[in-house]
Structure formats: structure tokens, C-alpha cells
Amino acid sequence: MQRKASAVWKGGLKDGKGSISAPGGVLSNTPYSFTTRFENAPGTNPEELIAAAHAACFSMALSAQLGGANLTPESISTNVTLSLEKLDSGWTITASHLDVVGRVPGADAATFQKFAEAAEKGCPVSKVLNAKISMNAKLEG
């Protein structure tokens, strides 16, 4: 299985502009720039897309873990905070923190925590990130 995406950048680093596209259609010449990436201007950036991918991947991985124990979640809500820092070696994604809240009939907090930890380790996006990954997992009743 392969997934594809593309980007085009025109101009210098600070005054240039780019666009991101992917065949799925959600990203179609979606603009990004220095200011959307490094100055919190409105718009997307590569790190935001990685955070979204991590949240989506983890949520599915947790559903799979729970399903293996015959537990079906009503909902899994995952928010990811990705940290981008300027180190001596250059800009680096240094951390990805997951805040997850699940509604899972029949699960207790310890079981939910166990499966959340397994999902974090098994999630393909977690595996590709060379960063510290932390998590708060909460089961709602």
C-alpha cells in the first residue's frame, strides 16, 4: 500500500508561498507559507498535518486494540499537540502529546489505559516520529 501527496514551493523562504495536494481531495492546492508555519498566521503547515495524522492514526489504533477485547467504543476523541523547536541542528519536531478521551461501554479506567498505551506504541504514525511521545488517556463514564 502506498499513499501520495505533493507540494509546490515558489519563491524564497520568507516571501515565498507553497501549496499542498493529495489525491483524496481534502488537500487540493492548499496554501502554506513561512508565516503559517513559523508565525502562527492562519492556514495550514506540515506540522499541523502530522499532528492531524497522529490523532487520526492513534484513534483508529485504539479502536482496534479495544475491538480485540470485544469492546466497542462509542467515541474516541484525540487531540495532538506537536512541538517544533529550533535546536542547534535546525528546526526539529521534538514531541507529540496525545490527549485522548474515550467512551467505551464495559471498559474500566485501567483497561482503557492499557489499550491506549498499546495503541500509542502500535500506531504507524507514532512509529515514524523520532520525537518524545506522551499521552493523557481518560475514560468517560
Protein backbone atom coordinates (compact mmCIF):
# COMPACT_ATOMS: atom_id res chain seq x y z
CA MET A 1 0.00 0.00 0.00
CA GLN A 2 1.28 3.45 -0.88
CA ARG A 3 -0.14 6.89 -0.19
CA LYS A 4 0.88 10.01 -2.05
CA ALA A 5 0.92 13.76 -1.59
CA SER A 6 2.72 16.62 -3.28
CA ALA A 7 3.90 20.14 -2.56
CA VAL A 8 5.00 23.04 -4.72
CA TRP A 9 7.02 25.98 -3.33
CA LYS A 10 7.61 29.21 -5.25
CA GLY A 11 9.95 31.95 -4.10
CA GLY A 12 12.30 32.50 -1.19
CA LEU A 13 11.86 31.03 2.28
CA LYS A 14 10.25 34.06 3.93
CA ASP A 15 8.48 35.67 0.97
CA GLY A 16 7.56 32.54 -0.98
CA LYS A 17 4.35 30.56 -0.98
CA GLY A 18 3.56 26.91 -1.34
CA SER A 19 0.66 24.58 -1.86
CA ILE A 20 -0.02 21.03 -0.72
CA SER A 21 -2.17 18.50 -2.59
CA ALA A 22 -3.20 14.88 -2.10
CA PRO A 23 -5.34 12.62 -4.32
CA GLY A 24 -8.01 12.18 -1.61
CA GLY A 25 -9.28 15.68 -2.37
CA VAL A 26 -9.17 17.25 1.09
CA LEU A 27 -5.87 18.89 0.23
CA SER A 28 -6.12 20.47 -3.20
CA ASN A 29 -3.59 23.23 -3.78
CA THR A 30 -3.98 24.12 -0.08
CA PRO A 31 -1.70 27.11 0.58
CA TYR A 32 1.05 27.31 3.18
CA SER A 33 3.85 29.77 3.82
CA PHE A 34 6.59 30.81 6.20
CA THR A 35 4.06 32.74 8.30
CA THR A 36 1.59 29.82 8.57
CA ARG A 37 4.45 27.59 9.64
CA PHE A 38 6.60 29.73 11.93
CA GLU A 39 4.49 32.75 12.91
CA ASN A 40 1.04 31.30 13.68
CA ALA A 41 -0.66 33.01 10.73
CA PRO A 42 -3.98 31.42 9.69
CA GLY A 43 -3.54 28.47 7.36
CA THR A 44 -2.00 25.04 7.43
CA ASN A 45 1.56 23.77 7.70
CA PRO A 46 3.36 20.43 7.56
CA GLU A 47 3.48 20.03 11.35
CA GLU A 48 -0.26 20.59 11.69
CA LEU A 49 -0.83 17.87 9.10
CA ILE A 50 1.46 15.49 11.02
CA ALA A 51 -0.47 16.26 14.23
CA ALA A 52 -3.76 15.53 12.44
CA ALA A 53 -2.35 12.29 11.04
CA HIS A 54 -1.13 11.25 14.50
CA ALA A 55 -4.55 11.95 16.08
CA ALA A 56 -6.40 10.03 13.37
CA CYS A 57 -3.99 7.09 13.33
CA PHE A 58 -3.96 6.75 17.12
CA SER A 59 -7.76 6.89 17.37
CA MET A 60 -8.08 4.02 14.88
CA ALA A 61 -5.29 2.04 16.60
CA LEU A 62 -7.07 2.40 19.95
CA SER A 63 -10.36 1.26 18.40
CA ALA A 64 -8.55 -1.82 17.06
CA GLN A 65 -6.98 -2.56 20.46
CA LEU A 66 -10.36 -2.28 22.19
CA GLY A 67 -12.05 -4.36 19.49
CA GLY A 68 -9.58 -7.16 20.15
CA ALA A 69 -11.03 -7.34 23.66
CA ASN A 70 -14.63 -7.23 22.35
CA LEU A 71 -15.02 -3.61 23.49
CA THR A 72 -16.62 -1.20 21.02
CA PRO A 73 -16.00 2.48 21.68
CA GLU A 74 -18.88 4.93 21.39
CA SER A 75 -16.22 7.56 20.73
CA ILE A 76 -12.51 8.20 20.91
CA SER A 77 -11.55 11.87 20.82
CA THR A 78 -7.84 12.56 20.35
CA ASN A 79 -6.14 15.95 20.33
CA VAL A 80 -2.44 16.13 19.45
CA THR A 81 -0.05 18.93 20.37
CA LEU A 82 3.08 18.72 18.25
CA SER A 83 6.18 20.66 19.34
CA LEU A 84 8.53 22.18 16.76
CA GLU A 85 11.71 23.62 18.23
CA LYS A 86 14.81 25.26 16.80
CA LEU A 87 17.73 23.17 18.00
CA ASP A 88 21.43 23.56 17.19
CA SER A 89 20.85 21.05 14.38
CA GLY A 90 17.92 23.09 12.99
CA TRP A 91 14.14 23.01 13.26
CA THR A 92 13.05 19.68 14.77
CA ILE A 93 9.77 18.03 15.77
CA THR A 94 10.71 17.23 19.35
CA ALA A 95 7.46 15.97 20.86
CA SER A 96 3.92 14.86 20.14
CA HIS A 97 1.47 14.82 23.04
CA LEU A 98 -1.82 12.97 22.75
CA ASP A 99 -4.83 13.89 24.86
CA VAL A 100 -7.41 11.16 24.41
CA VAL A 101 -10.88 10.79 25.90
CA GLY A 102 -12.86 7.65 25.24
CA ARG A 103 -16.41 6.49 25.83
CA VAL A 104 -16.23 2.72 25.93
CA PRO A 105 -19.14 0.77 27.42
CA GLY A 106 -17.90 -2.11 29.56
CA ALA A 107 -14.34 -0.79 29.98
CA ASP A 108 -12.75 0.35 33.23
CA ALA A 109 -10.06 3.01 33.54
CA ALA A 110 -7.17 0.51 33.91
CA THR A 111 -8.25 -1.46 30.84
CA PHE A 112 -8.64 1.73 28.80
CA GLN A 113 -5.18 2.92 29.87
CA LYS A 114 -3.61 -0.44 28.95
CA PHE A 115 -5.12 -0.39 25.47
CA ALA A 116 -4.31 3.32 24.97
CA GLU A 117 -0.64 2.63 25.75
CA ALA A 118 -0.59 -0.32 23.35
CA ALA A 119 -2.23 1.80 20.65
CA GLU A 120 0.31 4.59 21.10
CA LYS A 121 3.17 2.12 20.60
CA GLY A 122 1.46 0.35 17.69
CA CYS A 123 0.20 3.37 15.77
CA PRO A 124 2.16 3.64 12.49
CA VAL A 125 2.45 7.43 12.81
CA SER A 126 3.86 7.07 16.36
CA LYS A 127 6.43 4.65 14.96
CA VAL A 128 7.61 7.08 12.29
CA LEU A 129 8.03 10.07 14.62
CA ASN A 130 11.53 10.48 16.02
CA ALA A 131 10.22 12.53 18.93
CA LYS A 132 9.12 12.13 22.54
CA ILE A 133 5.52 10.94 22.55
CA SER A 134 3.44 11.46 25.69
CA MET A 135 -0.22 10.85 26.39
CA ASN A 136 -3.07 11.52 28.80
CA ALA A 137 -5.83 8.94 28.39
CA LYS A 138 -9.17 9.37 30.14
CA LEU A 139 -12.18 7.08 30.09
CA GLU A 140 -15.51 8.84 30.41
CA GLY A 141 -18.31 7.04 32.10
